[in-house]
PDB file of N, CA and C in Angstrom:
ATOM      1  N   UNK A   1       0.718  -1.199  -0.010  1.00  0.00           N
ATOM      2  CA  UNK A   1       0.050   0.048   0.099  1.00  0.00           C
ATOM      3  C   UNK A   1       0.861   1.263   0.058  1.00  0.00           C
ATOM      4  N   UNK A   2       0.305   2.222  -0.545  1.00  0.00           N
ATOM      5  CA  UNK A   2       0.970   3.590  -0.636  1.00  0.00           C
ATOM      6  C   UNK A   2       0.735   4.369   0.559  1.00  0.00           C
ATOM      7  N   UNK A   3       1.320   5.561   0.699  1.00  0.00           N
ATOM      8  CA  UNK A   3       1.025   6.611   1.645  1.00  0.00           C
ATOM      9  C   UNK A   3       1.278   7.965   1.047  1.00  0.00           C
ATOM     10  N   UNK A   4       0.541   8.905   1.736  1.00  0.00           N
ATOM     11  CA  UNK A   4       0.810  10.245   1.203  1.00  0.00           C
ATOM     12  C   UNK A   4       1.993  10.926   2.030  1.00  0.00           C
ATOM     13  N   UNK A   5       2.907  11.236   1.515  1.00  0.00           N
ATOM     14  CA  UNK A   5       4.047  11.914   2.122  1.00  0.00           C
ATOM     15  C   UNK A   5       4.464  13.279   1.332  1.00  0.00           C
ATOM     16  N   UNK A   6       4.048  14.270   1.724  1.00  0.00           N
ATOM     17  CA  UNK A   6       4.459  15.624   1.007  1.00  0.00           C
ATOM     18  C   UNK A   6       5.301  16.563   1.796  1.00  0.00           C
ATOM     19  N   UNK A   7       5.743  16.276   2.958  1.00  0.00           N
ATOM     20  CA  UNK A   7       6.721  17.191   3.641  1.00  0.00           C
ATOM     21  C   UNK A   7       8.217  17.043   3.395  1.00  0.00           C
ATOM     22  N   UNK A   8       8.696  18.137   3.260  1.00  0.00           N
ATOM     23  CA  UNK A   8      10.177  18.038   3.009  1.00  0.00           C
ATOM     24  C   UNK A   8      10.859  17.654   4.503  1.00  0.00           C
ATOM     25  N   UNK A   9      11.467  16.702   4.674  1.00  0.00           N
ATOM     26  CA  UNK A   9      11.982  16.245   5.949  1.00  0.00           C
ATOM     27  C   UNK A   9      13.045  17.337   6.461  1.00  0.00           C
ATOM     28  N   UNK A  10      13.625  17.884   5.697  1.00  0.00           N
ATOM     29  CA  UNK A  10      14.628  19.036   6.101  1.00  0.00           C
ATOM     30  C   UNK A  10      14.036  20.135   6.635  1.00  0.00           C
ATOM     31  N   UNK A  11      12.625  20.257   6.718  1.00  0.00           N
ATOM     32  CA  UNK A  11      12.179  21.497   7.264  1.00  0.00           C
ATOM     33  C   UNK A  11      11.931  21.249   8.730  1.00  0.00           C
ATOM     34  N   UNK A  12      12.254  19.855   9.233  1.00  0.00           N
ATOM     35  CA  UNK A  12      12.161  19.760  10.687  1.00  0.00           C
ATOM     36  C   UNK A  12      10.838  20.058  11.385  1.00  0.00           C
ATOM     37  N   UNK A  13       9.635  19.930  10.766  1.00  0.00           N
ATOM     38  CA  UNK A  13       8.398  20.056  11.531  1.00  0.00           C
ATOM     39  C   UNK A  13       8.239  19.183  12.488  1.00  0.00           C
ATOM     40  N   UNK A  14       7.514  19.471  13.516  1.00  0.00           N
ATOM     41  CA  UNK A  14       7.072  18.655  14.588  1.00  0.00           C
ATOM     42  C   UNK A  14       5.936  17.738  14.248  1.00  0.00           C
ATOM     43  N   UNK A  15       5.701  16.651  15.041  1.00  0.00           N
ATOM     44  CA  UNK A  15       4.342  15.932  14.852  1.00  0.00           C
ATOM     45  C   UNK A  15       3.290  16.879  15.013  1.00  0.00           C
ATOM     46  N   UNK A  16       2.289  16.742  14.388  1.00  0.00           N
ATOM     47  CA  UNK A  16       1.862  15.700  13.379  1.00  0.00           C
ATOM     48  C   UNK A  16       2.115  16.078  11.887  1.00  0.00           C
ATOM     49  N   UNK A  17       2.964  17.098  11.656  1.00  0.00           N
ATOM     50  CA  UNK A  17       3.124  17.541  10.394  1.00  0.00           C
ATOM     51  C   UNK A  17       4.371  16.833   9.736  1.00  0.00           C
ATOM     52  N   UNK A  18       4.646  15.692  10.050  1.00  0.00           N
ATOM     53  CA  UNK A  18       5.930  15.025   9.675  1.00  0.00           C
ATOM     54  C   UNK A  18       5.545  14.262   8.060  1.00  0.00           C
ATOM     55  N   UNK A  19       4.223  14.195   7.898  1.00  0.00           N
ATOM     56  CA  UNK A  19       3.795  13.438   6.750  1.00  0.00           C
ATOM     57  C   UNK A  19       2.986  14.478   5.621  1.00  0.00           C
ATOM     58  N   UNK A  20       2.381  15.295   6.158  1.00  0.00           N
ATOM     59  CA  UNK A  20       1.469  16.198   5.427  1.00  0.00           C
ATOM     60  C   UNK A  20       1.402  17.538   5.762  1.00  0.00           C
ATOM     61  N   UNK A  21       1.599  18.659   5.030  1.00  0.00           N
ATOM     62  CA  UNK A  21       1.467  20.086   5.548  1.00  0.00           C
ATOM     63  C   UNK A  21       0.025  20.300   5.989  1.00  0.00           C
ATOM     64  N   UNK A  22      -1.046  19.889   5.076  1.00  0.00           N
ATOM     65  CA  UNK A  22      -2.242  20.427   5.437  1.00  0.00           C
ATOM     66  C   UNK A  22      -3.502  19.323   5.219  1.00  0.00           C
ATOM     67  N   UNK A  23      -3.108  18.324   4.602  1.00  0.00           N
ATOM     68  CA  UNK A  23      -4.309  17.300   4.451  1.00  0.00           C
ATOM     69  C   UNK A  23      -4.712  16.680   5.705  1.00  0.00           C
ATOM     70  N   UNK A  24      -6.046  16.971   6.000  1.00  0.00           N
ATOM     71  CA  UNK A  24      -6.717  16.501   7.297  1.00  0.00           C
ATOM     72  C   UNK A  24      -6.075  16.954   8.424  1.00  0.00           C
ATOM     73  N   UNK A  25      -5.561  18.234   8.438  1.00  0.00           N
ATOM     74  CA  UNK A  25      -5.076  19.061   9.695  1.00  0.00           C
ATOM     75  C   UNK A  25      -5.996  20.233   9.861  1.00  0.00           C
ATOM     76  N   UNK A  26      -6.230  20.501  11.186  1.00  0.00           N
ATOM     77  CA  UNK A  26      -7.026  21.779  11.233  1.00  0.00           C
ATOM     78  C   UNK A  26      -6.236  23.146  11.103  1.00  0.00           C
ATOM     79  N   UNK A  27      -4.780  23.153  11.199  1.00  0.00           N
ATOM     80  CA  UNK A  27      -3.914  24.262  10.853  1.00  0.00           C
ATOM     81  C   UNK A  27      -2.873  23.811  10.106  1.00  0.00           C
ATOM     82  N   UNK A  28      -2.178  24.683   9.544  1.00  0.00           N
ATOM     83  CA  UNK A  28      -0.925  24.676   8.686  1.00  0.00           C
ATOM     84  C   UNK A  28       0.328  24.185   9.430  1.00  0.00           C
ATOM     85  N   UNK A  29       1.042  23.429   8.944  1.00  0.00           N
ATOM     86  CA  UNK A  29       2.263  22.822   9.754  1.00  0.00           C
ATOM     87  C   UNK A  29       3.311  23.800   9.619  1.00  0.00           C
ATOM     88  N   UNK A  30       3.306  24.826   8.707  1.00  0.00           N
ATOM     89  CA  UNK A  30       4.380  25.860   8.490  1.00  0.00           C
ATOM     90  C   UNK A  30       3.851  27.207   9.282  1.00  0.00           C
ATOM     91  N   UNK A  31       2.746  27.489   9.004  1.00  0.00           N
ATOM     92  CA  UNK A  31       2.622  28.884   9.647  1.00  0.00           C
ATOM     93  C   UNK A  31       1.426  28.952  10.714  1.00  0.00           C
ATOM     94  N   UNK A  32       0.736  27.646  10.915  1.00  0.00           N
ATOM     95  CA  UNK A  32      -0.345  27.728  11.927  1.00  0.00           C
ATOM     96  C   UNK A  32      -1.543  28.253  11.546  1.00  0.00           C
ATOM     97  N   UNK A  33      -1.860  28.877  10.523  1.00  0.00           N
ATOM     98  CA  UNK A  33      -2.960  29.309   9.885  1.00  0.00           C
ATOM     99  C   UNK A  33      -4.168  28.237   9.857  1.00  0.00           C
ATOM    100  N   UNK A  34      -5.255  28.575   9.971  1.00  0.00           N
ATOM    101  CA  UNK A  34      -6.645  27.609  10.043  1.00  0.00           C
ATOM    102  C   UNK A  34      -6.594  27.099   8.469  1.00  0.00           C
ATOM    103  N   UNK A  35      -6.789  25.849   8.312  1.00  0.00           N
ATOM    104  CA  UNK A  35      -6.783  25.332   6.822  1.00  0.00           C
ATOM    105  C   UNK A  35      -8.440  25.469   6.269  1.00  0.00           C
ATOM    106  N   UNK A  36      -8.403  25.767   5.162  1.00  0.00           N
ATOM    107  CA  UNK A  36      -9.741  25.840   4.296  1.00  0.00           C
ATOM    108  C   UNK A  36      -9.971  24.764   3.527  1.00  0.00           C
ATOM    109  N   UNK A  37     -11.144  24.364   3.488  1.00  0.00           N
ATOM    110  CA  UNK A  37     -11.758  23.153   2.599  1.00  0.00           C
ATOM    111  C   UNK A  37     -12.777  23.643   1.951  1.00  0.00           C
ATOM    112  N   UNK A  38     -12.901  23.022   0.593  1.00  0.00           N
ATOM    113  CA  UNK A  38     -14.243  23.096  -0.188  1.00  0.00           C
ATOM    114  C   UNK A  38     -14.267  21.999  -1.056  1.00  0.00           C
ATOM    115  N   UNK A  39     -15.427  21.730  -1.716  1.00  0.00           N
ATOM    116  CA  UNK A  39     -15.740  20.747  -2.525  1.00  0.00           C
ATOM    117  C   UNK A  39     -15.667  21.118  -3.970  1.00  0.00           C
ATOM    118  N   UNK A  40     -15.028  20.412  -5.014  1.00  0.00           N
ATOM    119  CA  UNK A  40     -14.835  20.644  -6.292  1.00  0.00           C
ATOM    120  C   UNK A  40     -14.889  19.391  -7.007  1.00  0.00           C
ATOM    121  N   UNK A  41     -15.658  19.163  -7.794  1.00  0.00           N
ATOM    122  CA  UNK A  41     -15.603  17.927  -8.657  1.00  0.00           C
ATOM    123  C   UNK A  41     -15.730  16.665  -7.940  1.00  0.00           C
ATOM    124  N   UNK A  42     -16.622  16.689  -6.689  1.00  0.00           N
ATOM    125  CA  UNK A  42     -16.744  15.440  -5.958  1.00  0.00           C
ATOM    126  C   UNK A  42     -15.617  14.950  -5.059  1.00  0.00           C
ATOM    127  N   UNK A  43     -14.570  16.095  -4.884  1.00  0.00           N
ATOM    128  CA  UNK A  43     -13.319  15.918  -4.068  1.00  0.00           C
ATOM    129  C   UNK A  43     -13.176  16.958  -2.963  1.00  0.00           C
ATOM    130  N   UNK A  44     -12.773  16.690  -1.872  1.00  0.00           N
ATOM    131  CA  UNK A  44     -12.521  17.867  -0.883  1.00  0.00           C
ATOM    132  C   UNK A  44     -11.217  18.436  -1.211  1.00  0.00           C
ATOM    133  N   UNK A  45     -10.964  19.658  -1.477  1.00  0.00           N
ATOM    134  CA  UNK A  45      -9.822  20.489  -1.764  1.00  0.00           C
ATOM    135  C   UNK A  45      -9.442  21.266  -0.342  1.00  0.00           C
ATOM    136  N   UNK A  46      -8.076  21.155  -0.038  1.00  0.00           N
ATOM    137  CA  UNK A  46      -7.426  21.622   1.167  1.00  0.00           C
ATOM    138  C   UNK A  46      -6.578  22.736   0.810  1.00  0.00           C
ATOM    139  N   UNK A  47      -6.488  23.758   1.652  1.00  0.00           N
ATOM    140  CA  UNK A  47      -5.509  24.992   1.289  1.00  0.00           C
ATOM    141  C   UNK A  47      -5.220  25.879   2.471  1.00  0.00           C
ATOM    142  N   UNK A  48      -4.030  26.375   2.796  1.00  0.00           N
ATOM    143  CA  UNK A  48      -3.579  27.115   3.708  1.00  0.00           C
ATOM    144  C   UNK A  48      -3.932  28.601   2.953  1.00  0.00           C
ATOM    145  N   UNK A  49      -4.772  29.390   3.540  1.00  0.00           N
ATOM    146  CA  UNK A  49      -4.872  30.763   2.784  1.00  0.00           C
ATOM    147  C   UNK A  49      -3.664  31.550   2.925  1.00  0.00           C
ATOM    148  N   UNK A  50      -2.586  31.193   3.881  1.00  0.00           N
ATOM    149  CA  UNK A  50      -1.536  32.032   4.019  1.00  0.00           C
ATOM    150  C   UNK A  50      -0.402  31.648   3.076  1.00  0.00           C
ATOM    151  N   UNK A  51      -0.054  30.374   3.212  1.00  0.00           N
ATOM    152  CA  UNK A  51       0.938  29.850   2.392  1.00  0.00           C
ATOM    153  C   UNK A  51       0.745  29.533   0.858  1.00  0.00           C
ATOM    154  N   UNK A  52      -0.620  29.238   0.711  1.00  0.00           N
ATOM    155  CA  UNK A  52      -0.907  28.956  -0.738  1.00  0.00           C
ATOM    156  C   UNK A  52      -1.937  30.170  -1.375  1.00  0.00           C
ATOM    157  N   UNK A  53      -1.350  31.210  -1.482  1.00  0.00           N
ATOM    158  CA  UNK A  53      -2.177  32.263  -1.920  1.00  0.00           C
ATOM    159  C   UNK A  53      -2.182  32.438  -3.631  1.00  0.00           C
ATOM    160  N   UNK A  54      -3.241  32.603  -4.111  1.00  0.00           N
ATOM    161  CA  UNK A  54      -3.422  32.655  -5.560  1.00  0.00           C
ATOM    162  C   UNK A  54      -2.402  33.643  -6.098  1.00  0.00           C
ATOM    163  N   UNK A  55      -1.922  33.627  -7.163  1.00  0.00           N
ATOM    164  CA  UNK A  55      -0.738  34.731  -7.668  1.00  0.00           C
ATOM    165  C   UNK A  55      -1.657  35.708  -8.269  1.00  0.00           C
ATOM    166  N   UNK A  56      -1.078  36.889  -8.222  1.00  0.00           N
ATOM    167  CA  UNK A  56      -1.710  37.987  -8.804  1.00  0.00           C
ATOM    168  C   UNK A  56      -1.993  37.841 -10.504  1.00  0.00           C
ATOM    169  N   UNK A  57      -3.118  37.963 -11.011  1.00  0.00           N
ATOM    170  CA  UNK A  57      -3.393  37.641 -12.404  1.00  0.00           C
ATOM    171  C   UNK A  57      -3.935  36.298 -12.658  1.00  0.00           C
ATOM    172  N   UNK A  58      -4.121  35.402 -11.560  1.00  0.00           N
ATOM    173  CA  UNK A  58      -4.659  34.122 -11.731  1.00  0.00           C
ATOM    174  C   UNK A  58      -5.898  34.258 -12.355  1.00  0.00           C
ATOM    175  N   UNK A  59      -6.201  33.472 -13.481  1.00  0.00           N
ATOM    176  CA  UNK A  59      -7.422  33.411 -14.030  1.00  0.00           C
ATOM    177  C   UNK A  59      -8.136  32.394 -13.855  1.00  0.00           C
ATOM    178  N   UNK A  60      -9.114  32.449 -12.800  1.00  0.00           N
ATOM    179  CA  UNK A  60     -10.032  31.310 -12.364  1.00  0.00           C
ATOM    180  C   UNK A  60     -11.399  31.545 -13.055  1.00  0.00           C
ATOM    181  N   UNK A  61     -12.062  30.371 -13.256  1.00  0.00           N
ATOM    182  CA  UNK A  61     -13.453  30.379 -13.872  1.00  0.00           C
ATOM    183  C   UNK A  61     -14.459  30.925 -12.711  1.00  0.00           C
ATOM    184  N   UNK A  62     -15.503  31.447 -13.175  1.00  0.00           N
ATOM    185  CA  UNK A  62     -16.485  31.930 -12.307  1.00  0.00           C
ATOM    186  C   UNK A  62     -16.849  30.524 -11.160  1.00  0.00           C
ATOM    187  N   UNK A  63     -16.963  29.397 -11.817  1.00  0.00           N
ATOM    188  CA  UNK A  63     -17.246  28.236 -10.876  1.00  0.00           C
ATOM    189  C   UNK A  63     -16.197  27.987  -9.708  1.00  0.00           C
ATOM    190  N   UNK A  64     -15.037  28.127 -10.329  1.00  0.00           N
ATOM    191  CA  UNK A  64     -13.864  27.914  -9.276  1.00  0.00           C
ATOM    192  C   UNK A  64     -13.744  29.137  -8.209  1.00  0.00           C
ATOM    193  N   UNK A  65     -14.152  30.192  -8.638  1.00  0.00           N
ATOM    194  CA  UNK A  65     -14.026  31.374  -7.765  1.00  0.00           C
ATOM    195  C   UNK A  65     -15.230  31.233  -6.836  1.00  0.00           C
ATOM    196  N   UNK A  66     -16.440  30.799  -7.239  1.00  0.00           N
ATOM    197  CA  UNK A  66     -17.531  30.435  -6.392  1.00  0.00           C
ATOM    198  C   UNK A  66     -17.281  29.452  -5.250  1.00  0.00           C
ATOM    199  N   UNK A  67     -16.634  28.353  -5.647  1.00  0.00           N
ATOM    200  CA  UNK A  67     -16.237  27.379  -4.864  1.00  0.00           C
ATOM    201  C   UNK A  67     -15.119  27.792  -3.800  1.00  0.00           C
ATOM    202  N   UNK A  68     -14.119  28.595  -4.118  1.00  0.00           N
ATOM    203  CA  UNK A  68     -13.355  29.323  -3.217  1.00  0.00           C
ATOM    204  C   UNK A  68     -13.946  30.184  -2.024  1.00  0.00           C
ATOM    205  N   UNK A  69     -15.115  30.867  -2.599  1.00  0.00           N
ATOM    206  CA  UNK A  69     -15.689  31.750  -1.466  1.00  0.00           C
ATOM    207  C   UNK A  69     -16.603  30.921  -0.516  1.00  0.00           C
ATOM    208  N   UNK A  70     -16.882  29.681  -0.892  1.00  0.00           N
ATOM    209  CA  UNK A  70     -17.643  28.935   0.008  1.00  0.00           C
ATOM    210  C   UNK A  70     -16.646  27.885   0.941  1.00  0.00           C
ATOM    211  N   UNK A  71     -15.099  28.221   0.827  1.00  0.00           N
ATOM    212  CA  UNK A  71     -14.496  27.275   1.696  1.00  0.00           C
ATOM    213  C   UNK A  71     -14.888  27.662   3.246  1.00  0.00           C
ATOM    214  N   UNK A  72     -14.646  26.729   3.957  1.00  0.00           N
ATOM    215  CA  UNK A  72     -14.808  26.597   5.486  1.00  0.00           C
ATOM    216  C   UNK A  72     -13.568  26.099   6.066  1.00  0.00           C
ATOM    217  N   UNK A  73     -13.540  26.518   7.428  1.00  0.00           N
ATOM    218  CA  UNK A  73     -12.552  25.858   8.188  1.00  0.00           C
ATOM    219  C   UNK A  73     -12.686  24.293   8.119  1.00  0.00           C
ATOM    220  N   UNK A  74     -11.666  23.531   8.146  1.00  0.00           N
ATOM    221  CA  UNK A  74     -11.556  21.997   8.059  1.00  0.00           C
ATOM    222  C   UNK A  74     -11.675  21.540   9.439  1.00  0.00           C
ATOM    223  N   UNK A  75     -12.606  20.355   9.347  1.00  0.00           N
ATOM    224  CA  UNK A  75     -12.655  19.656  10.740  1.00  0.00           C
ATOM    225  C   UNK A  75     -11.963  18.222  10.384  1.00  0.00           C
ATOM    226  N   UNK A  76     -10.901  17.854  11.105  1.00  0.00           N
ATOM    227  CA  UNK A  76     -10.009  16.651  10.976  1.00  0.00           C
ATOM    228  C   UNK A  76     -11.082  15.430  11.149  1.00  0.00           C
ATOM    229  N   UNK A  77     -10.801  14.240  10.482  1.00  0.00           N
ATOM    230  CA  UNK A  77     -11.561  13.101  10.513  1.00  0.00           C
ATOM    231  C   UNK A  77     -10.449  11.852  10.584  1.00  0.00           C
ATOM    232  N   UNK A  78     -11.038  10.726  10.827  1.00  0.00           N
ATOM    233  CA  UNK A  78     -10.263   9.639  10.797  1.00  0.00           C
ATOM    234  C   UNK A  78     -10.106   9.258   9.359  1.00  0.00           C
ATOM    235  N   UNK A  79      -8.908   9.203   8.893  1.00  0.00           N
ATOM    236  CA  UNK A  79      -8.464   8.996   7.358  1.00  0.00           C
ATOM    237  C   UNK A  79      -8.164   7.422   7.147  1.00  0.00           C
ATOM    238  N   UNK A  80      -9.064   6.705   6.364  1.00  0.00           N
ATOM    239  CA  UNK A  80      -8.563   5.324   6.011  1.00  0.00           C
ATOM    240  C   UNK A  80      -7.358   5.228   4.977  1.00  0.00           C
ATOM    241  N   UNK A  81      -7.322   6.384   4.059  1.00  0.00           N
ATOM    242  CA  UNK A  81      -6.395   6.356   2.996  1.00  0.00           C
ATOM    243  C   UNK A  81      -5.086   6.765   3.425  1.00  0.00           C
ATOM    244  N   UNK A  82      -5.166   7.506   4.426  1.00  0.00           N
ATOM    245  CA  UNK A  82      -3.849   8.189   4.935  1.00  0.00           C
ATOM    246  C   UNK A  82      -3.743   8.232   6.336  1.00  0.00           C
ATOM    247  N   UNK A  83      -3.676   7.005   7.030  1.00  0.00           N
ATOM    248  CA  UNK A  83      -3.671   7.007   8.514  1.00  0.00           C
ATOM    249  C   UNK A  83      -2.313   7.612   9.067  1.00  0.00           C
ATOM    250  N   UNK A  84      -2.263   7.924  10.292  1.00  0.00           N
ATOM    251  CA  UNK A  84      -1.043   8.621  10.814  1.00  0.00           C
ATOM    252  C   UNK A  84      -0.093   7.478  11.031  1.00  0.00           C
ATOM    253  N   UNK A  85      -0.577   6.263  11.522  1.00  0.00           N
ATOM    254  CA  UNK A  85       0.489   5.200  11.748  1.00  0.00           C
ATOM    255  C   UNK A  85       0.057   4.148  10.820  1.00  0.00           C
ATOM    256  N   UNK A  86       1.120   3.251  10.420  1.00  0.00           N
ATOM    257  CA  UNK A  86       0.877   2.138   9.668  1.00  0.00           C
ATOM    258  C   UNK A  86      -0.157   1.176  10.335  1.00  0.00           C
ATOM    259  N   UNK A  87      -1.095   0.794   9.548  1.00  0.00           N
ATOM    260  CA  UNK A  87      -2.154  -0.206  10.069  1.00  0.00           C
ATOM    261  C   UNK A  87      -1.587  -1.650  10.178  1.00  0.00           C
TER     262      UNK A  87
END
């Protein structure tokens, strides 16, 4: 089985951010900002509004802009696809 590993070990982040910066966390491992989530295409999107700012001139469709405006604070859940410890 695979696992989600998206963190650069050289950053030296403490637990629980040793595997993922934002997926299924309530706050960002880098800056501590509350994670925002929204649904798009049947999937949940996760973003840190501080570390993952859209660049100036980003050309988003009206639908995507609408989805971003609907973003809400993330509530962590028990993940079966990316557990914190090996099963």
